[in-house]
Amino acid sequence: MLTYILTEIPSPITCRIIRRVNRFTVLVSLNGNLSYAYLNNTGRLEAFIVEGRLAYLFENPIKRGSNYRLFAVEDGNLAALVDTNLQMKLFEKALIMGLIKQFKDFKIVRRNVPLRSSLIDYLLEYSGKMSYLEVKSAVMRIDGSTASYPDCPSIRGRRHIEDLMSASSEGLDCTILFIAALPYINRFKPNGIVDPKLVDLLRLAIKSGVSIKAISMYYDPSDSSVYLDNPELNVEV
């Protein structure tokens, strides 16, 4: 299967992780000097935000208390893309480029769209038909080559599924897309150990007509590029 370069990260900065300070801040070592880096990911990331782990930063245009933004963490010879905002931007780019078959010729109408009690990531349009799309970041590895979500119980995630399921049962087109932002992945499977209620809801959502899809991407430090690895990743629910 072909991979596609979605973007190149200019002038990435290599560091070593010291520890996670809070949800959005990581203490890192830059050439022996300690500094804080902003982390745009509320997941636990326990397999990645580990002392001594090699990570990658870029200068943070929006300071948020730090001059740096942590966007990727080493995973074998490649790296996991942990910045969820960057994941979303690159998903949008892949959609616009027509690289994702499920969304070929779809256009983004709005972002952060109210639906029931939730804000859903996207309202898309295709041939006059509207479609709701919620995107979830899957930066957890199980069974070696399986990406998973969530890495901690997610009440918000359950609410999104319930609201999409309700909308789908009324005839609206609804999809949940999981971005497996890890290298060496060949399928996505939701995490029934961490959040069995969420997995049960996903199964009910499928029965109500909600489409469940997944794609995979990763960061390659050798050329400082993010690759779309699989635009039709196998899903097992």
Foldseek 3Di string as FASTA:
>chain_A
DDKDFLDFDPPKAKWFWAAAPDQFWTWTAHVNDIFIAGEQANAPPVVFNDGGWIWIWDQDPPAPVGRIHTQWTDDPQFTFGRHVVVVVVSVQSCLVVQVAVVNRQKDFDDAQCDFDPGGAGTWIDDPRAIETEHEAEFADDDPQAETEDDNAADPNLQVVLVRQLVVLLVPHHYEYEYEHRDPNHQAYEYDCVRYVVSVVSVVSSVVSPYHYFYWYWTARPVRRTIMGDGSGHHYDD
